[in-house]
C-alpha atoms as a PDB file:
ATOM      1  CA  MET A   1      -2.613   8.128  13.036  1.00  0.00           C
ATOM      2  CA  ARG A   2      -0.209   7.478   9.595  1.00  0.00           C
ATOM      3  CA  LYS A   3       3.453   7.241  10.284  1.00  0.00           C
ATOM      4  CA  LYS A   4       5.897   9.910   9.100  1.00  0.00           C
ATOM      5  CA  GLU A   5       6.891   8.543   5.523  1.00  0.00           C
ATOM      6  CA  THR A   6      10.834   8.110   5.244  1.00  0.00           C
ATOM      7  CA  PHE A   7      13.326   8.282   3.000  1.00  0.00           C
ATOM      8  CA  SER A   8      13.805   4.628   2.390  1.00  0.00           C
ATOM      9  CA  ASP A   9       9.477   4.510   2.182  1.00  0.00           C
ATOM     10  CA  VAL A  10       9.917   7.197  -0.299  1.00  0.00           C
ATOM     11  CA  ILE A  11      12.782   5.002  -2.584  1.00  0.00           C
ATOM     12  CA  TYR A  12      11.033   1.498  -2.095  1.00  0.00           C
ATOM     13  CA  ARG A  13       7.532   3.295  -3.460  1.00  0.00           C
ATOM     14  CA  ASN A  14       8.994   4.460  -6.169  1.00  0.00           C
ATOM     15  CA  TYR A  15      11.253   1.010  -6.930  1.00  0.00           C
ATOM     16  CA  LEU A  16       7.347  -0.417  -6.767  1.00  0.00           C
ATOM     17  CA  LYS A  17       6.031   1.562  -9.091  1.00  0.00           C
ATOM     18  CA  GLU A  18       9.168   1.294 -11.372  1.00  0.00           C
ATOM     19  CA  ASN A  19       8.753  -2.582 -11.493  1.00  0.00           C
ATOM     20  CA  LEU A  20       5.169  -3.560 -11.203  1.00  0.00           C
ATOM     21  CA  LYS A  21       3.056  -3.863 -14.300  1.00  0.00           C
ATOM     22  CA  LYS A  22       1.118  -0.475 -14.799  1.00  0.00           C
ATOM     23  CA  GLU A  23      -2.619  -1.363 -15.208  1.00  0.00           C
ATOM     24  CA  CYS A  24      -5.328  -2.076 -12.731  1.00  0.00           C
ATOM     25  CA  TYR A  25      -4.851  -5.920 -11.572  1.00  0.00           C
ATOM     26  CA  ILE A  26      -8.856  -6.135 -12.087  1.00  0.00           C
ATOM     27  CA  CYS A  27     -10.152  -4.029 -14.984  1.00  0.00           C
ATOM     28  CA  GLY A  28      -6.767  -3.548 -17.243  1.00  0.00           C
ATOM     29  CA  ARG A  29      -7.442  -0.060 -16.733  1.00  0.00           C
ATOM     30  CA  LYS A  30      -4.063   2.504 -17.365  1.00  0.00           C
ATOM     31  CA  LYS A  31      -5.413   5.858 -15.333  1.00  0.00           C
ATOM     32  CA  ASP A  32      -6.128   6.579 -11.928  1.00  0.00           C
ATOM     33  CA  LEU A  33      -3.605   3.968 -10.352  1.00  0.00           C
ATOM     34  CA  GLU A  34      -2.935   3.364  -6.845  1.00  0.00           C
ATOM     35  CA  LEU A  35      -0.852   0.866  -4.946  1.00  0.00           C
ATOM     36  CA  HIS A  36      -2.562  -1.891  -3.000  1.00  0.00           C
ATOM     37  CA  HIS A  37      -1.261  -4.598  -0.673  1.00  0.00           C
ATOM     38  CA  LYS A  38      -3.316  -8.261  -1.606  1.00  0.00           C
ATOM     39  CA  ILE A  39      -3.107  -9.259   1.750  1.00  0.00           C
ATOM     40  CA  PRO A  40      -3.434  -5.769   4.200  1.00  0.00           C
ATOM     41  CA  LEU A  41      -0.775  -4.961   6.424  1.00  0.00           C
ATOM     42  CA  ASN A  42      -3.183  -5.694   9.348  1.00  0.00           C
ATOM     43  CA  CYS A  43      -3.931  -8.854   7.990  1.00  0.00           C
ATOM     44  CA  CYS A  44      -0.092  -9.868   8.477  1.00  0.00           C
ATOM     45  CA  GLY A  45       0.099  -9.002   4.867  1.00  0.00           C
ATOM     46  CA  GLU A  46       4.199  -8.145   4.313  1.00  0.00           C
ATOM     47  CA  ASP A  47       4.905  -4.968   2.215  1.00  0.00           C
ATOM     48  CA  ILE A  48       7.019  -6.847  -0.260  1.00  0.00           C
ATOM     49  CA  LEU A  49       6.646  -6.737  -4.115  1.00  0.00           C
ATOM     50  CA  ASP A  50       4.836  -9.974  -4.666  1.00  0.00           C
ATOM     51  CA  ASN A  51       1.796  -9.040  -2.049  1.00  0.00           C
ATOM     52  CA  ILE A  52       1.619  -5.448  -3.720  1.00  0.00           C
ATOM     53  CA  ILE A  53      -0.085  -4.369  -7.141  1.00  0.00           C
ATOM     54  CA  TYR A  54      -2.022  -1.465  -8.978  1.00  0.00           C
ATOM     55  CA  LEU A  55      -5.724  -1.170  -8.728  1.00  0.00           C
ATOM     56  CA  CYS A  56      -7.557   1.821 -10.508  1.00  0.00           C
ATOM     57  CA  ASN A  57      -9.238   3.828  -7.651  1.00  0.00           C
ATOM     58  CA  LYS A  58     -12.716   2.372  -8.563  1.00  0.00           C
ATOM     59  CA  CYS A  59     -11.636  -1.101  -8.278  1.00  0.00           C
ATOM     60  CA  HIS A  60      -9.217  -0.212  -5.113  1.00  0.00           C
ATOM     61  CA  ARG A  61     -12.940   1.306  -3.357  1.00  0.00           C
ATOM     62  CA  ASN A  62     -14.678  -2.345  -4.670  1.00  0.00           C
ATOM     63  CA  ILE A  63     -12.158  -4.217  -3.248  1.00  0.00           C
ATOM     64  CA  HIS A  64     -12.316  -2.728   0.615  1.00  0.00           C
ATOM     65  CA  LYS A  65     -16.191  -3.247   0.088  1.00  0.00           C
ATOM     66  CA  ILE A  66     -16.550  -6.261   2.245  1.00  0.00           C
ATOM     67  CA  ASP A  67     -19.404  -7.593   4.083  1.00  0.00           C
ATOM     68  CA  ASN A  68     -17.128  -9.396   7.025  1.00  0.00           C
ATOM     69  CA  GLN A  69     -16.581  -6.632   9.826  1.00  0.00           C
ATOM     70  CA  ASN A  70     -13.172  -8.151  10.556  1.00  0.00           C
ATOM     71  CA  PRO A  71     -11.995  -9.615   7.092  1.00  0.00           C
ATOM     72  CA  THR A  72      -9.277 -11.866   6.776  1.00  0.00           C
ATOM     73  CA  ALA A  73      -6.264 -12.320   4.573  1.00  0.00           C
ATOM     74  CA  LYS A  74      -8.622 -14.817   2.965  1.00  0.00           C
ATOM     75  CA  ASP A  75     -11.294 -12.727   2.636  1.00  0.00           C
ATOM     76  CA  TYR A  76      -9.425  -9.833   1.035  1.00  0.00           C
ATOM     77  CA  LEU A  77      -7.897 -12.899  -1.569  1.00  0.00           C
ATOM     78  CA  LYS A  78     -11.321 -13.956  -2.177  1.00  0.00           C
ATOM     79  CA  ARG A  79     -13.108 -10.756  -3.039  1.00  0.00           C
ATOM     80  CA  LEU A  80     -10.022 -10.211  -5.387  1.00  0.00           C
ATOM     81  CA  LYS A  81      -9.903 -12.872  -7.098  1.00  0.00           C
ATOM     82  CA  ILE A  82     -13.993 -12.713  -7.459  1.00  0.00           C
ATOM     83  CA  LEU A  83     -13.564  -9.143  -8.826  1.00  0.00           C
ATOM     84  CA  ARG A  84     -11.168  -9.925 -11.160  1.00  0.00           C
ATOM     85  CA  LYS A  85     -13.109 -12.957 -12.558  1.00  0.00           C
ATOM     86  CA  ASN A  86     -16.038 -10.787 -12.992  1.00  0.00           C
ATOM     87  CA  LYS A  87     -14.240  -7.887 -14.981  1.00  0.00           C
ATOM     88  CA  LYS A  88     -12.927 -10.895 -17.133  1.00  0.00           C
ATOM     89  CA  ASN A  89     -16.048 -12.300 -18.067  1.00  0.00           C
ATOM     90  CA  GLY A  90     -18.500  -9.581 -17.716  1.00  0.00           C
END
């Protein structure tokens, strides 16, 4: 069950939206953007600006397609790096 959003959560989310580059970190798309934690909270990632990026909905789905059943923070960062490199080269 998702926790109920507080007023401070809304302020923080709006702050992030104002201070992050408004394009997909992987492909550069500027539409259908979603906030994403580079290191997920369930992998001890922090809810701070340095750990949050925008991904378009397509890249966001792809980043979560990790084969490992119990992905670690390292797995997510490696996948993010591979997807970004492939988009830039292809």
